[in-house]
Protein backbone atom coordinates (compact mmCIF):
# COMPACT_ATOMS: atom_id res chain seq x y z
CA MET A 1 22.67 -96.07 95.17
CA GLN A 2 20.12 -98.17 97.84
CA SER A 3 19.32 -101.80 97.13
CA HIS A 4 15.65 -103.11 95.56
CA ALA A 5 15.12 -104.96 98.86
CA THR A 6 15.94 -101.76 100.94
CA THR A 7 13.87 -99.53 99.18
CA SER A 8 10.73 -102.29 98.57
CA SER A 9 10.91 -102.85 102.43
CA LEU A 10 11.13 -98.65 103.20
CA VAL A 11 7.96 -98.52 100.97
CA SER A 12 6.11 -100.99 102.66
CA ARG A 13 6.79 -99.43 106.15
CA SER A 14 5.59 -95.90 104.48
CA LEU A 15 2.54 -97.58 103.69
CA HIS A 16 1.94 -99.35 107.06
CA THR A 17 2.89 -95.95 108.78
CA GLU A 18 0.65 -94.57 106.65
CA TYR A 19 -2.12 -96.29 107.01
CA PHE A 20 -2.33 -96.23 110.44
CA SER A 21 -2.23 -92.25 110.10
CA THR A 22 -4.93 -92.79 108.03
CA GLY A 23 -6.77 -94.61 110.04
CA TRP A 24 -6.60 -92.46 113.17
CA MET A 25 -6.93 -88.98 111.09
CA ALA A 26 -10.54 -91.12 110.21
CA PHE A 27 -11.39 -91.77 114.14
CA GLU A 28 -9.59 -87.65 114.58
CA PHE A 29 -11.95 -86.24 111.92
CA LEU A 30 -15.15 -87.92 113.74
CA VAL A 31 -14.69 -87.05 117.51
CA GLY A 32 -13.55 -83.74 116.89
CA PHE A 33 -15.89 -82.71 114.27
CA SER A 34 -19.20 -84.02 116.03
CA SER A 35 -17.75 -83.03 119.67
CA GLY A 36 -17.39 -78.99 117.59
CA LEU A 37 -20.87 -79.33 116.19
CA GLN A 38 -22.00 -80.36 119.09
CA ALA A 39 -20.55 -77.56 121.28
CA GLY A 40 -20.33 -74.48 119.18
CA SER A 41 -16.67 -74.67 118.77
CA ILE A 42 -14.76 -73.48 115.91
CA LEU A 43 -11.84 -75.13 117.15
CA LEU A 44 -12.79 -77.95 117.32
CA ILE A 45 -14.76 -78.36 113.57
CA ALA A 46 -12.00 -76.50 112.54
CA PHE A 47 -9.63 -79.05 114.01
CA GLY A 48 -12.10 -82.14 112.72
CA LEU A 49 -11.53 -80.34 109.18
CA ASP A 50 -8.28 -80.67 109.26
CA SER A 51 -8.20 -83.70 110.60
CA PHE A 52 -10.10 -84.61 107.04
CA LEU A 53 -7.67 -82.61 104.56
CA GLU A 54 -5.17 -85.35 106.68
CA ILE A 55 -7.15 -88.01 105.43
CA ILE A 56 -7.08 -86.96 101.64
CA SER A 57 -3.26 -86.30 101.72
CA GLY A 58 -2.51 -89.66 103.20
CA SER A 59 -4.85 -91.44 100.77
CA THR A 60 -2.66 -89.58 97.66
CA LEU A 61 0.02 -90.23 99.70
CA ILE A 62 -0.74 -94.04 100.20
CA TRP A 63 -2.24 -93.26 96.24
CA ARG A 64 2.21 -92.35 95.60
CA LEU A 65 3.41 -94.99 97.33
CA ARG A 66 1.27 -97.85 95.78
CA LYS A 67 2.84 -96.58 92.40
CA GLU A 68 6.57 -97.17 93.52
CA ALA A 69 5.62 -100.41 94.96
CA ASN A 70 4.24 -101.01 91.96
CA GLY A 71 7.63 -99.83 89.95
CA ALA A 72 6.06 -96.86 88.17
CA PRO A 73 8.73 -94.43 86.74
CA ARG A 74 10.34 -92.11 88.78
CA SER A 75 8.50 -89.25 86.41
CA GLU A 76 4.63 -91.47 87.59
CA ILE A 77 5.99 -90.72 90.91
CA GLU A 78 6.94 -87.36 91.38
CA GLN A 79 4.02 -86.13 89.20
CA ALA A 80 1.98 -88.23 91.92
CA GLU A 81 3.47 -86.45 94.76
CA ARG A 82 3.08 -82.87 92.99
CA LYS A 83 -0.67 -83.23 92.08
CA SER A 84 -1.01 -84.19 96.12
CA SER A 85 0.46 -81.35 97.51
CA LEU A 86 -1.79 -78.84 95.37
CA ILE A 87 -4.95 -80.54 96.00
CA VAL A 88 -3.94 -80.40 99.94
CA GLY A 89 -2.93 -76.70 99.91
CA SER A 90 -5.47 -75.39 98.31
CA VAL A 91 -7.90 -76.73 100.18
CA LEU A 92 -6.03 -75.71 103.82
CA LEU A 93 -6.45 -72.73 102.30
CA LEU A 94 -9.78 -72.51 102.06
CA LEU A 95 -9.91 -74.01 105.40
CA SER A 96 -8.08 -70.99 106.38
CA VAL A 97 -11.06 -68.05 105.43
CA TYR A 98 -13.88 -70.38 106.59
CA VAL A 99 -11.80 -70.02 109.83
CA ILE A 100 -11.05 -66.42 109.99
CA GLY A 101 -15.00 -66.32 108.70
CA VAL A 102 -17.14 -67.93 111.47
CA SER A 103 -14.01 -66.81 114.18
CA LEU A 104 -14.98 -63.25 113.53
CA TYR A 105 -18.66 -63.58 113.00
CA ASN A 106 -18.87 -65.66 116.85
CA LEU A 107 -16.38 -62.61 117.76
CA LEU A 108 -18.78 -60.13 116.27
CA ASN A 109 -22.32 -62.32 117.81
CA HIS A 110 -20.74 -63.02 121.60
CA GLN A 111 -20.74 -67.02 120.53
CA ALA A 112 -19.48 -68.92 123.00
CA ALA A 113 -18.43 -72.68 122.96
CA ASP A 114 -19.25 -75.16 125.71
CA THR A 115 -16.66 -77.70 127.00
CA SER A 116 -16.33 -80.85 124.97
CA ILE A 117 -14.89 -84.52 126.60
CA PRO A 118 -14.62 -85.82 123.62
CA GLY A 119 -12.98 -83.00 121.59
CA ILE A 120 -10.97 -82.65 124.62
CA SER A 121 -9.37 -86.45 125.15
CA ILE A 122 -9.06 -86.72 121.21
CA ALA A 123 -6.42 -83.18 121.57
CA ILE A 124 -4.65 -85.06 124.15
CA ALA A 125 -4.16 -87.98 122.12
CA SER A 126 -3.20 -85.90 119.30
CA VAL A 127 -0.68 -84.54 121.53
CA ILE A 128 1.15 -87.34 122.14
CA LEU A 129 0.87 -88.99 118.65
CA MET A 130 1.45 -86.46 116.37
CA PRO A 131 5.39 -86.13 116.97
CA ILE A 132 5.97 -89.74 117.37
CA LEU A 133 4.00 -89.90 113.55
CA THR A 134 6.51 -86.96 112.23
CA LEU A 135 8.88 -87.83 112.98
CA LYS A 136 8.85 -91.27 111.63
CA LYS A 137 7.74 -90.08 108.46
CA ARG A 138 9.90 -87.46 108.04
CA SER A 139 12.63 -90.29 108.79
CA LEU A 140 11.44 -92.53 105.93
CA GLY A 141 10.73 -89.79 103.61
CA LYS A 142 14.37 -88.58 103.74
CA ALA A 143 15.48 -92.45 103.24
CA LEU A 144 13.54 -92.86 100.06
CA HIS A 145 14.34 -88.73 98.69
CA SER A 146 9.83 -88.28 99.04
CA ASP A 147 9.46 -84.80 99.53
CA ALA A 148 5.74 -84.93 99.58
CA LEU A 149 6.28 -87.65 102.38
CA VAL A 150 8.43 -85.42 104.87
CA GLU A 151 5.60 -82.66 103.96
CA ASP A 152 2.89 -85.06 105.28
CA GLY A 153 4.76 -85.67 108.12
CA MET A 154 4.84 -81.44 108.60
CA CYS A 155 1.19 -82.43 108.43
CA ASN A 156 1.16 -84.26 111.08
CA ILE A 157 2.95 -81.52 113.31
CA THR A 158 0.55 -79.01 112.78
CA CYS A 159 -1.75 -81.11 114.06
CA ALA A 160 -0.59 -81.07 117.41
CA TYR A 161 -0.24 -77.59 117.29
CA MET A 162 -3.71 -77.41 116.67
CA ALA A 163 -4.61 -80.02 118.70
CA ALA A 164 -2.58 -77.94 121.83
CA THR A 165 -4.88 -74.82 120.55
CA VAL A 166 -7.26 -77.04 121.42
CA LEU A 167 -6.35 -77.75 124.61
CA VAL A 168 -5.88 -73.80 125.09
CA GLY A 169 -8.77 -72.79 124.23
CA ALA A 170 -10.47 -75.23 125.54
CA LEU A 171 -9.34 -74.48 129.39
CA LEU A 172 -9.31 -70.61 129.09
CA THR A 173 -13.35 -70.83 128.22
CA ALA A 174 -13.85 -74.11 130.95
CA LEU A 175 -11.78 -71.94 133.78
CA PHE A 176 -12.87 -68.29 133.40
CA ASN A 177 -15.05 -68.38 131.10
CA TRP A 178 -13.93 -66.13 128.82
CA TRP A 179 -16.59 -66.43 125.82
CA TRP A 180 -13.84 -65.03 123.41
CA ALA A 181 -10.89 -67.75 123.91
CA ASP A 182 -12.18 -70.54 121.13
CA SER A 183 -12.74 -68.03 118.62
CA VAL A 184 -9.54 -65.97 119.35
CA ALA A 185 -7.71 -69.69 119.61
CA ALA A 186 -8.61 -70.65 116.41
CA LEU A 187 -7.51 -67.34 114.79
CA ILE A 188 -3.96 -68.29 115.91
CA LEU A 189 -4.88 -71.75 114.31
CA VAL A 190 -5.03 -70.29 110.93
CA TYR A 191 -1.48 -68.69 111.21
CA PHE A 192 -0.36 -72.43 110.91
CA ILE A 193 -3.59 -74.11 107.90
CA ALA A 194 -2.31 -71.04 105.92
CA SER A 195 0.90 -71.40 106.21
CA GLU A 196 1.26 -75.15 105.46
CA GLY A 197 -1.39 -74.76 102.70
CA TRP A 198 1.06 -71.76 101.07
CA GLU A 199 3.92 -74.35 101.42
CA SER A 200 2.04 -77.45 99.80
CA PHE A 201 0.67 -75.15 96.90
CA GLN A 202 3.76 -73.48 96.09
CA GLU A 203 5.16 -77.43 95.66
CA GLY A 204 2.21 -78.61 93.79
CA ARG A 205 3.10 -75.45 91.25
CA LYS A 206 6.61 -76.37 90.86
CA GLY A 207 7.74 -78.55 87.63
């Protein structure tokens, strides 16, 4: 069994990690979403919207961690975890439907995306930063026996996959002028979004 001091230290470190992660996601959402709208890129818009969902996920997890920091009963903490998973999972599945719909529309109408320097820059930063956050959250989540914190870390690695897909799509469009690259890459992205959403949704329905 962990001592109260050890648990308090782990909760405190987890909260600081979540504060930083949620703050970064807010910045990522603003840059990704606005860049996507300007460039007409469904990839960047989806990337920005996923970041917004991770703000919700991070905020709910902060709420759950603060409950533990304030000595809430274990049953109340577990209920908060399930609620967080259910909300995030549902919205991710809806985002998958949105990305599929817009991508197919763009393919049918030969809509091409413009290159976005701010969007590419934020994607590069995410490819570097997200795996670091994932490892930290997984380590803290296992130490705290918090599945929600481990799941939140997996959201970050999905974000890294999404950022890499954004870079590939932007590169193909810029180098070869492949008008369909953005939409096809966005459809590949749906696999990661839907997988993450379904897993979170199933976790939220347990208990």
